[in-house]
Amino acid sequence: MTERTELAVELANEAARIAVHYFKGEFSVDTKKDQSPVTIADREIEQMLANAVDEHFPEDGFFGEESGGRPGKSGFRWIVDPIDGTRNFVRRIPMFATLIGIEQEGEVVGGIANSPLMNEFYLAEKGAGASLNGVTIRVSGVGSMGQAHLIYPSFSKLKDEAYRQALFELAGQSERSRGFGDYFGHVLVASGRAEIMMEPSVNPWDIAAIKILVEEAGGVFTDLNGVRTIYGHGAVSANSALHPLVIEALKAANS
């Protein structure tokens, strides 16, 4: 484990302590310009992460959902979402996680998703595989849509016509489709408990950690155009057998 990954593990556990403290207590909720909620837990966790990176790796860049970014000189950048699933957090639904991605020269090389109230700690490093609570995880070997579980986020995100058309087509072919948004749909794919997660609208902090978790678990992560990036349009996580079918459906819907 690299020094940065070791620090990320420590910070993810400290973030969990802060998140659980507020989740079980009282907190106020503010509304950001994009109408999404933000809490003191989001802000406190992100500030803690930014301060720790500045202390231990002062030449690294940092990019967070709440505070934006700062440039670095080392070639490394930390991309974080202090609480992925803030809407769940606000409604006292325990399905949320702190996401920490470590990027080197534009490529994500380390990732953590720590969901304390789900008791799930996902970790991945480039070339070292992915794990859940210390146990290696792999995407499933399901090769047909008729046996696949497809995950999608909220129906309120179905404004993208091509995405909506492709999602409905694939969901109709799948064995089961379920609406688990945010990080959770993607880690279900990485851990072999679902085959496809399709998301039409994401930011880099939502998926930096996710990308390497899926890839190191043997899966494929791309944007909706099939490009292997966290800076594109939307996100698709899937096993290697079914990912081409998703991209094919999206391209057909766009034609």
C-alpha atoms as a PDB file:
ATOM      1  CA  MET A   1       0.000   0.000   0.000  1.00  0.00           C
ATOM      2  CA  THR A   2       1.421   3.389  -0.956  1.00  0.00           C
ATOM      3  CA  GLU A   3       1.901   6.201   1.543  1.00  0.00           C
ATOM      4  CA  ARG A   4      -0.977   8.128   0.018  1.00  0.00           C
ATOM      5  CA  THR A   5      -3.314   5.148   0.204  1.00  0.00           C
ATOM      6  CA  GLU A   6      -2.344   4.534   3.820  1.00  0.00           C
ATOM      7  CA  LEU A   7      -3.194   8.143   4.628  1.00  0.00           C
ATOM      8  CA  ALA A   8      -6.460   7.874   2.680  1.00  0.00           C
ATOM      9  CA  VAL A   9      -7.484   4.861   4.783  1.00  0.00           C
ATOM     10  CA  GLU A  10      -6.839   6.810   7.983  1.00  0.00           C
ATOM     11  CA  LEU A  11      -8.745   9.816   6.698  1.00  0.00           C
ATOM     12  CA  ALA A  12     -11.702   7.714   5.531  1.00  0.00           C
ATOM     13  CA  ASN A  13     -12.023   6.267   9.014  1.00  0.00           C
ATOM     14  CA  GLU A  14     -11.876   9.731  10.585  1.00  0.00           C
ATOM     15  CA  ALA A  15     -14.500  10.910   8.084  1.00  0.00           C
ATOM     16  CA  ALA A  16     -16.720   8.022   9.178  1.00  0.00           C
ATOM     17  CA  ARG A  17     -16.421   9.091  12.803  1.00  0.00           C
ATOM     18  CA  ILE A  18     -17.493  12.640  11.946  1.00  0.00           C
ATOM     19  CA  ALA A  19     -20.349  11.506   9.706  1.00  0.00           C
ATOM     20  CA  VAL A  20     -21.787   9.069  12.248  1.00  0.00           C
ATOM     21  CA  HIS A  21     -21.554  11.688  15.009  1.00  0.00           C
ATOM     22  CA  TYR A  22     -23.743  14.100  13.051  1.00  0.00           C
ATOM     23  CA  PHE A  23     -26.023  11.415  11.594  1.00  0.00           C
ATOM     24  CA  LYS A  24     -26.974  10.269  15.092  1.00  0.00           C
ATOM     25  CA  GLY A  25     -27.332  13.825  16.395  1.00  0.00           C
ATOM     26  CA  GLU A  26     -28.777  17.098  15.178  1.00  0.00           C
ATOM     27  CA  PHE A  27     -27.597  19.184  12.226  1.00  0.00           C
ATOM     28  CA  SER A  28     -28.878  21.945  10.000  1.00  0.00           C
ATOM     29  CA  VAL A  29     -29.248  21.639   6.226  1.00  0.00           C
ATOM     30  CA  ASP A  30     -28.393  24.365   3.736  1.00  0.00           C
ATOM     31  CA  THR A  31     -29.268  24.482   0.044  1.00  0.00           C
ATOM     32  CA  LYS A  32     -26.555  25.111  -2.542  1.00  0.00           C
ATOM     33  CA  LYS A  33     -26.982  27.050  -5.780  1.00  0.00           C
ATOM     34  CA  ASP A  34     -27.754  23.831  -7.663  1.00  0.00           C
ATOM     35  CA  GLN A  35     -30.533  23.130  -5.125  1.00  0.00           C
ATOM     36  CA  SER A  36     -28.690  20.164  -3.622  1.00  0.00           C
ATOM     37  CA  PRO A  37     -28.407  19.910   0.172  1.00  0.00           C
ATOM     38  CA  VAL A  38     -25.229  20.371   2.190  1.00  0.00           C
ATOM     39  CA  THR A  39     -24.675  19.820   5.913  1.00  0.00           C
ATOM     40  CA  ILE A  40     -22.047  20.667   8.485  1.00  0.00           C
ATOM     41  CA  ALA A  41     -20.867  17.057   8.168  1.00  0.00           C
ATOM     42  CA  ASP A  42     -20.088  17.557   4.453  1.00  0.00           C
ATOM     43  CA  ARG A  43     -18.134  20.725   5.159  1.00  0.00           C
ATOM     44  CA  GLU A  44     -16.306  19.467   8.246  1.00  0.00           C
ATOM     45  CA  ILE A  45     -15.201  16.233   6.589  1.00  0.00           C
ATOM     46  CA  GLU A  46     -13.966  17.979   3.466  1.00  0.00           C
ATOM     47  CA  GLN A  47     -12.034  20.539   5.501  1.00  0.00           C
ATOM     48  CA  MET A  48     -10.448  17.744   7.521  1.00  0.00           C
ATOM     49  CA  LEU A  49      -9.415  15.949   4.335  1.00  0.00           C
ATOM     50  CA  ALA A  50      -8.025  19.107   2.736  1.00  0.00           C
ATOM     51  CA  ASN A  51      -6.038  20.020   5.862  1.00  0.00           C
ATOM     52  CA  ALA A  52      -4.556  16.523   6.141  1.00  0.00           C
ATOM     53  CA  VAL A  53      -3.489  16.429   2.495  1.00  0.00           C
ATOM     54  CA  ASP A  54      -1.944  19.881   2.854  1.00  0.00           C
ATOM     55  CA  GLU A  55      -0.025  18.719   5.919  1.00  0.00           C
ATOM     56  CA  HIS A  56       1.233  15.377   4.618  1.00  0.00           C
ATOM     57  CA  PHE A  57       1.516  16.043   0.878  1.00  0.00           C
ATOM     58  CA  PRO A  58       1.643  19.821   0.482  1.00  0.00           C
ATOM     59  CA  GLU A  59       2.518  19.656  -3.221  1.00  0.00           C
ATOM     60  CA  ASP A  60      -0.498  17.485  -4.094  1.00  0.00           C
ATOM     61  CA  GLY A  61      -3.579  19.024  -5.668  1.00  0.00           C
ATOM     62  CA  PHE A  62      -6.995  18.782  -4.044  1.00  0.00           C
ATOM     63  CA  PHE A  63     -10.482  18.835  -5.577  1.00  0.00           C
ATOM     64  CA  GLY A  64     -13.572  18.537  -3.392  1.00  0.00           C
ATOM     65  CA  GLU A  65     -17.295  18.907  -3.914  1.00  0.00           C
ATOM     66  CA  GLU A  66     -17.761  21.640  -1.345  1.00  0.00           C
ATOM     67  CA  SER A  67     -14.570  23.705  -1.593  1.00  0.00           C
ATOM     68  CA  GLY A  68     -13.512  23.281  -5.210  1.00  0.00           C
ATOM     69  CA  GLY A  69      -9.901  22.723  -6.159  1.00  0.00           C
ATOM     70  CA  ARG A  70      -6.381  23.877  -5.673  1.00  0.00           C
ATOM     71  CA  PRO A  71      -3.511  23.113  -8.038  1.00  0.00           C
ATOM     72  CA  GLY A  72      -0.574  20.954  -7.091  1.00  0.00           C
ATOM     73  CA  LYS A  73       2.997  20.454  -8.286  1.00  0.00           C
ATOM     74  CA  SER A  74       3.557  16.764  -7.582  1.00  0.00           C
ATOM     75  CA  GLY A  75       1.357  15.309 -10.323  1.00  0.00           C
ATOM     76  CA  PHE A  76      -0.986  13.872  -7.696  1.00  0.00           C
ATOM     77  CA  ARG A  77      -4.468  15.162  -6.949  1.00  0.00           C
ATOM     78  CA  TRP A  78      -6.991  14.074  -4.314  1.00  0.00           C
ATOM     79  CA  ILE A  79     -10.592  14.080  -5.580  1.00  0.00           C
ATOM     80  CA  VAL A  80     -13.096  13.751  -2.745  1.00  0.00           C
ATOM     81  CA  ASP A  81     -16.784  13.685  -1.971  1.00  0.00           C
ATOM     82  CA  PRO A  82     -17.125  14.070   1.806  1.00  0.00           C
ATOM     83  CA  ILE A  83     -20.598  12.525   1.863  1.00  0.00           C
ATOM     84  CA  ASP A  84     -21.801  10.901  -1.321  1.00  0.00           C
ATOM     85  CA  GLY A  85     -25.514  10.516  -0.737  1.00  0.00           C
ATOM     86  CA  THR A  86     -26.178  13.699   1.239  1.00  0.00           C
ATOM     87  CA  ARG A  87     -29.899  13.455   0.465  1.00  0.00           C
ATOM     88  CA  ASN A  88     -29.900  10.033   2.123  1.00  0.00           C
ATOM     89  CA  PHE A  89     -27.908  11.417   5.044  1.00  0.00           C
ATOM     90  CA  VAL A  90     -30.400  14.260   5.528  1.00  0.00           C
ATOM     91  CA  ARG A  91     -33.324  11.795   5.572  1.00  0.00           C
ATOM     92  CA  ARG A  92     -31.477   9.524   8.053  1.00  0.00           C
ATOM     93  CA  ILE A  93     -31.049   6.791   5.443  1.00  0.00           C
ATOM     94  CA  PRO A  94     -27.710   5.067   6.205  1.00  0.00           C
ATOM     95  CA  MET A  95     -26.748   4.551   2.541  1.00  0.00           C
ATOM     96  CA  PHE A  96     -23.985   7.159   2.174  1.00  0.00           C
ATOM     97  CA  ALA A  97     -20.186   7.082   1.907  1.00  0.00           C
ATOM     98  CA  THR A  98     -17.056   9.191   1.934  1.00  0.00           C
ATOM     99  CA  LEU A  99     -15.302   8.877  -1.428  1.00  0.00           C
ATOM    100  CA  ILE A 100     -11.570   9.505  -1.810  1.00  0.00           C
ATOM    101  CA  GLY A 101      -9.897   9.184  -5.188  1.00  0.00           C
ATOM    102  CA  ILE A 102      -6.166   9.661  -5.758  1.00  0.00           C
ATOM    103  CA  GLU A 103      -5.233  10.798  -9.253  1.00  0.00           C
ATOM    104  CA  GLN A 104      -1.712  10.711 -10.720  1.00  0.00           C
ATOM    105  CA  GLU A 105      -1.059  12.639 -13.934  1.00  0.00           C
ATOM    106  CA  GLY A 106      -4.737  12.451 -14.845  1.00  0.00           C
ATOM    107  CA  GLU A 107      -5.204   8.738 -14.051  1.00  0.00           C
ATOM    108  CA  VAL A 108      -6.957   7.528 -10.900  1.00  0.00           C
ATOM    109  CA  VAL A 109      -4.564   5.177  -9.090  1.00  0.00           C
ATOM    110  CA  GLY A 110      -6.278   4.744  -5.727  1.00  0.00           C
ATOM    111  CA  GLY A 111      -9.800   4.852  -4.385  1.00  0.00           C
ATOM    112  CA  ILE A 112     -11.806   4.406  -1.200  1.00  0.00           C
ATOM    113  CA  ALA A 113     -15.542   4.324  -0.542  1.00  0.00           C
ATOM    114  CA  ASN A 114     -16.276   4.124   3.171  1.00  0.00           C
ATOM    115  CA  SER A 115     -19.884   3.614   4.180  1.00  0.00           C
ATOM    116  CA  PRO A 116     -19.802   3.386   7.985  1.00  0.00           C
ATOM    117  CA  LEU A 117     -23.452   2.650   8.719  1.00  0.00           C
ATOM    118  CA  MET A 118     -23.546  -0.001   6.000  1.00  0.00           C
ATOM    119  CA  ASN A 119     -20.305  -1.391   7.499  1.00  0.00           C
ATOM    120  CA  GLU A 120     -18.656  -1.412   4.065  1.00  0.00           C
ATOM    121  CA  PHE A 121     -15.125  -0.181   3.399  1.00  0.00           C
ATOM    122  CA  TYR A 122     -14.098  -0.474  -0.254  1.00  0.00           C
ATOM    123  CA  LEU A 123     -10.441  -0.035  -1.219  1.00  0.00           C
ATOM    124  CA  ALA A 124      -8.582  -0.233  -4.530  1.00  0.00           C
ATOM    125  CA  GLU A 125      -5.078   0.526  -5.764  1.00  0.00           C
ATOM    126  CA  LYS A 126      -3.910   0.376  -9.351  1.00  0.00           C
ATOM    127  CA  GLY A 127      -2.585  -3.112 -10.068  1.00  0.00           C
ATOM    128  CA  ALA A 128      -3.399  -4.402  -6.572  1.00  0.00           C
ATOM    129  CA  GLY A 129      -7.065  -5.310  -6.904  1.00  0.00           C
ATOM    130  CA  ALA A 130     -10.133  -4.169  -4.987  1.00  0.00           C
ATOM    131  CA  SER A 131     -11.487  -5.254  -1.635  1.00  0.00           C
ATOM    132  CA  LEU A 132     -14.508  -4.931   0.633  1.00  0.00           C
ATOM    133  CA  ASN A 133     -13.649  -4.991   4.331  1.00  0.00           C
ATOM    134  CA  GLY A 134     -10.314  -6.566   3.452  1.00  0.00           C
ATOM    135  CA  VAL A 135     -11.743  -9.342   1.265  1.00  0.00           C
ATOM    136  CA  THR A 136     -11.012  -9.297  -2.481  1.00  0.00           C
ATOM    137  CA  ILE A 137     -14.016  -8.497  -4.672  1.00  0.00           C
ATOM    138  CA  ARG A 138     -14.704  -9.230  -8.337  1.00  0.00           C
ATOM    139  CA  VAL A 139     -17.436  -8.292 -10.749  1.00  0.00           C
ATOM    140  CA  SER A 140     -19.850 -11.055 -11.629  1.00  0.00           C
ATOM    141  CA  GLY A 141     -19.510 -13.439 -14.548  1.00  0.00           C
ATOM    142  CA  VAL A 142     -23.108 -13.007 -15.694  1.00  0.00           C
ATOM    143  CA  GLY A 143     -23.046 -12.792 -19.486  1.00  0.00           C
ATOM    144  CA  SER A 144     -26.666 -12.256 -20.521  1.00  0.00           C
ATOM    145  CA  MET A 145     -29.110  -9.432 -19.913  1.00  0.00           C
ATOM    146  CA  GLY A 146     -31.744 -12.007 -18.980  1.00  0.00           C
ATOM    147  CA  GLN A 147     -29.744 -12.822 -15.834  1.00  0.00           C
ATOM    148  CA  ALA A 148     -28.472  -9.325 -15.130  1.00  0.00           C
ATOM    149  CA  HIS A 149     -29.360  -6.921 -12.348  1.00  0.00           C
ATOM    150  CA  LEU A 150     -29.398  -3.336 -13.619  1.00  0.00           C
ATOM    151  CA  ILE A 151     -29.092  -0.370 -11.247  1.00  0.00           C
ATOM    152  CA  TYR A 152     -30.085   3.233 -11.950  1.00  0.00           C
ATOM    153  CA  PRO A 153     -30.445   6.432  -9.870  1.00  0.00           C
ATOM    154  CA  SER A 154     -33.574   8.545  -9.349  1.00  0.00           C
ATOM    155  CA  PHE A 155     -36.251   8.843 -12.050  1.00  0.00           C
ATOM    156  CA  SER A 156     -35.876  12.605 -11.635  1.00  0.00           C
ATOM    157  CA  LYS A 157     -32.626  12.231 -13.594  1.00  0.00           C
ATOM    158  CA  LEU A 158     -34.337  10.855 -16.703  1.00  0.00           C
ATOM    159  CA  LYS A 159     -34.207  14.193 -18.534  1.00  0.00           C
ATOM    160  CA  ASP A 160     -31.585  12.853 -20.985  1.00  0.00           C
ATOM    161  CA  GLU A 161     -33.783  11.306 -23.687  1.00  0.00           C
ATOM    162  CA  ALA A 162     -31.154   8.914 -25.049  1.00  0.00           C
ATOM    163  CA  TYR A 163     -30.241   7.735 -21.553  1.00  0.00           C
ATOM    164  CA  ARG A 164     -33.922   7.216 -20.708  1.00  0.00           C
ATOM    165  CA  GLN A 165     -34.565   5.234 -23.878  1.00  0.00           C
ATOM    166  CA  ALA A 166     -31.514   3.022 -23.392  1.00  0.00           C
ATOM    167  CA  LEU A 167     -32.257   2.480 -19.698  1.00  0.00           C
ATOM    168  CA  PHE A 168     -35.836   1.396 -20.345  1.00  0.00           C
ATOM    169  CA  GLU A 169     -34.751  -0.925 -23.150  1.00  0.00           C
ATOM    170  CA  LEU A 170     -32.063  -2.599 -21.041  1.00  0.00           C
ATOM    171  CA  ALA A 171     -34.235  -2.738 -17.918  1.00  0.00           C
ATOM    172  CA  GLY A 172     -36.900  -4.537 -19.920  1.00  0.00           C
ATOM    173  CA  GLN A 173     -34.351  -7.184 -20.910  1.00  0.00           C
ATOM    174  CA  SER A 174     -32.822  -7.608 -17.449  1.00  0.00           C
ATOM    175  CA  GLU A 175     -33.807 -10.061 -14.761  1.00  0.00           C
ATOM    176  CA  ARG A 176     -34.225  -7.230 -12.269  1.00  0.00           C
ATOM    177  CA  SER A 177     -33.756  -3.456 -12.164  1.00  0.00           C
ATOM    178  CA  ARG A 178     -33.425  -1.406  -9.009  1.00  0.00           C
ATOM    179  CA  GLY A 179     -32.958   2.268  -8.111  1.00  0.00           C
ATOM    180  CA  PHE A 180     -29.886   2.507  -5.894  1.00  0.00           C
ATOM    181  CA  GLY A 181     -28.242   5.856  -6.626  1.00  0.00           C
ATOM    182  CA  ASP A 182     -24.948   7.472  -5.743  1.00  0.00           C
ATOM    183  CA  TYR A 183     -21.896   5.322  -4.940  1.00  0.00           C
ATOM    184  CA  PHE A 184     -23.973   2.288  -3.958  1.00  0.00           C
ATOM    185  CA  GLY A 185     -25.055   1.178  -7.420  1.00  0.00           C
ATOM    186  CA  HIS A 186     -21.454   1.178  -8.611  1.00  0.00           C
ATOM    187  CA  VAL A 187     -20.063  -0.807  -5.669  1.00  0.00           C
ATOM    188  CA  LEU A 188     -22.817  -3.377  -6.166  1.00  0.00           C
ATOM    189  CA  VAL A 189     -21.328  -3.925  -9.624  1.00  0.00           C
ATOM    190  CA  ALA A 190     -17.736  -3.970  -8.327  1.00  0.00           C
ATOM    191  CA  SER A 191     -18.626  -6.573  -5.701  1.00  0.00           C
ATOM    192  CA  GLY A 192     -20.516  -8.832  -8.113  1.00  0.00           C
ATOM    193  CA  ARG A 193     -23.967  -8.203  -6.620  1.00  0.00           C
ATOM    194  CA  ALA A 194     -25.249  -6.427  -9.737  1.00  0.00           C
ATOM    195  CA  GLU A 195     -24.062  -6.254 -13.341  1.00  0.00           C
ATOM    196  CA  ILE A 196     -24.797  -2.721 -14.598  1.00  0.00           C
ATOM    197  CA  MET A 197     -25.025   0.756 -13.085  1.00  0.00           C
ATOM    198  CA  MET A 198     -26.051   3.613 -15.408  1.00  0.00           C
ATOM    199  CA  GLU A 199     -25.923   7.221 -14.253  1.00  0.00           C
ATOM    200  CA  PRO A 200     -26.681  10.201 -16.545  1.00  0.00           C
ATOM    201  CA  SER A 201     -25.296  13.078 -14.500  1.00  0.00           C
ATOM    202  CA  VAL A 202     -22.128  12.958 -12.382  1.00  0.00           C
ATOM    203  CA  ASN A 203     -19.178  15.086 -11.275  1.00  0.00           C
ATOM    204  CA  PRO A 204     -15.555  13.924 -10.979  1.00  0.00           C
ATOM    205  CA  TRP A 205     -15.792  13.725  -7.177  1.00  0.00           C
ATOM    206  CA  ASP A 206     -18.760  11.343  -7.501  1.00  0.00           C
ATOM    207  CA  ILE A 207     -16.824   8.786  -9.522  1.00  0.00           C
ATOM    208  CA  ALA A 208     -13.046   9.172  -9.091  1.00  0.00           C
ATOM    209  CA  ALA A 209     -12.898   6.535  -6.361  1.00  0.00           C
ATOM    210  CA  ILE A 210     -15.580   4.485  -8.101  1.00  0.00           C
ATOM    211  CA  LYS A 211     -13.697   4.162 -11.381  1.00  0.00           C
ATOM    212  CA  ILE A 212     -10.708   2.357  -9.938  1.00  0.00           C
ATOM    213  CA  LEU A 213     -12.835   0.218  -7.625  1.00  0.00           C
ATOM    214  CA  VAL A 214     -14.759  -1.110 -10.623  1.00  0.00           C
ATOM    215  CA  GLU A 215     -11.676  -1.530 -12.814  1.00  0.00           C
ATOM    216  CA  GLU A 216      -9.582  -3.265 -10.152  1.00  0.00           C
ATOM    217  CA  ALA A 217     -12.508  -5.606  -9.519  1.00  0.00           C
ATOM    218  CA  GLY A 218     -12.274  -6.662 -13.167  1.00  0.00           C
ATOM    219  CA  GLY A 219     -15.076  -4.477 -14.479  1.00  0.00           C
ATOM    220  CA  VAL A 220     -15.347  -1.674 -17.017  1.00  0.00           C
ATOM    221  CA  PHE A 221     -16.027   1.957 -16.136  1.00  0.00           C
ATOM    222  CA  THR A 222     -16.737   4.612 -18.785  1.00  0.00           C
ATOM    223  CA  ASP A 223     -18.911   7.605 -19.463  1.00  0.00           C
ATOM    224  CA  LEU A 224     -22.132   7.163 -21.454  1.00  0.00           C
ATOM    225  CA  ASN A 225     -20.155   7.443 -24.703  1.00  0.00           C
ATOM    226  CA  GLY A 226     -17.896   4.537 -23.770  1.00  0.00           C
ATOM    227  CA  VAL A 227     -14.880   6.704 -22.935  1.00  0.00           C
ATOM    228  CA  ARG A 228     -12.785   5.591 -19.975  1.00  0.00           C
ATOM    229  CA  THR A 229     -12.867   8.892 -18.079  1.00  0.00           C
ATOM    230  CA  ILE A 230     -14.286  10.635 -15.005  1.00  0.00           C
ATOM    231  CA  TYR A 231     -14.597  13.884 -16.966  1.00  0.00           C
ATOM    232  CA  GLY A 232     -17.182  12.838 -19.530  1.00  0.00           C
ATOM    233  CA  HIS A 233     -20.972  12.645 -19.714  1.00  0.00           C
ATOM    234  CA  GLY A 234     -22.483  10.333 -17.118  1.00  0.00           C
ATOM    235  CA  ALA A 235     -21.141   6.989 -15.935  1.00  0.00           C
ATOM    236  CA  VAL A 236     -21.521   3.302 -16.689  1.00  0.00           C
ATOM    237  CA  SER A 237     -20.136   0.525 -14.508  1.00  0.00           C
ATOM    238  CA  ALA A 238     -20.533  -3.042 -15.744  1.00  0.00           C
ATOM    239  CA  ASN A 239     -18.784  -6.350 -16.157  1.00  0.00           C
ATOM    240  CA  SER A 240     -16.867  -6.818 -19.382  1.00  0.00           C
ATOM    241  CA  ALA A 241     -19.504  -9.057 -20.951  1.00  0.00           C
ATOM    242  CA  LEU A 242     -22.389  -6.613 -20.611  1.00  0.00           C
ATOM    243  CA  HIS A 243     -20.712  -3.216 -20.862  1.00  0.00           C
ATOM    244  CA  PRO A 244     -20.652  -3.289 -24.704  1.00  0.00           C
ATOM    245  CA  LEU A 245     -24.402  -3.943 -24.739  1.00  0.00           C
ATOM    246  CA  VAL A 246     -24.999  -0.839 -22.619  1.00  0.00           C
ATOM    247  CA  ILE A 247     -22.891   1.375 -24.883  1.00  0.00           C
ATOM    248  CA  GLU A 248     -24.540  -0.122 -27.961  1.00  0.00           C
ATOM    249  CA  ALA A 249     -27.976   0.701 -26.557  1.00  0.00           C
ATOM    250  CA  LEU A 250     -26.905   4.260 -25.727  1.00  0.00           C
ATOM    251  CA  LYS A 251     -25.447   4.802 -29.197  1.00  0.00           C
ATOM    252  CA  ALA A 252     -28.604   3.429 -30.820  1.00  0.00           C
ATOM    253  CA  ALA A 253     -30.719   5.805 -28.739  1.00  0.00           C
ATOM    254  CA  ASN A 254     -28.546   8.710 -29.864  1.00  0.00           C
ATOM    255  CA  SER A 255     -28.715   7.832 -33.556  1.00  0.00           C
END
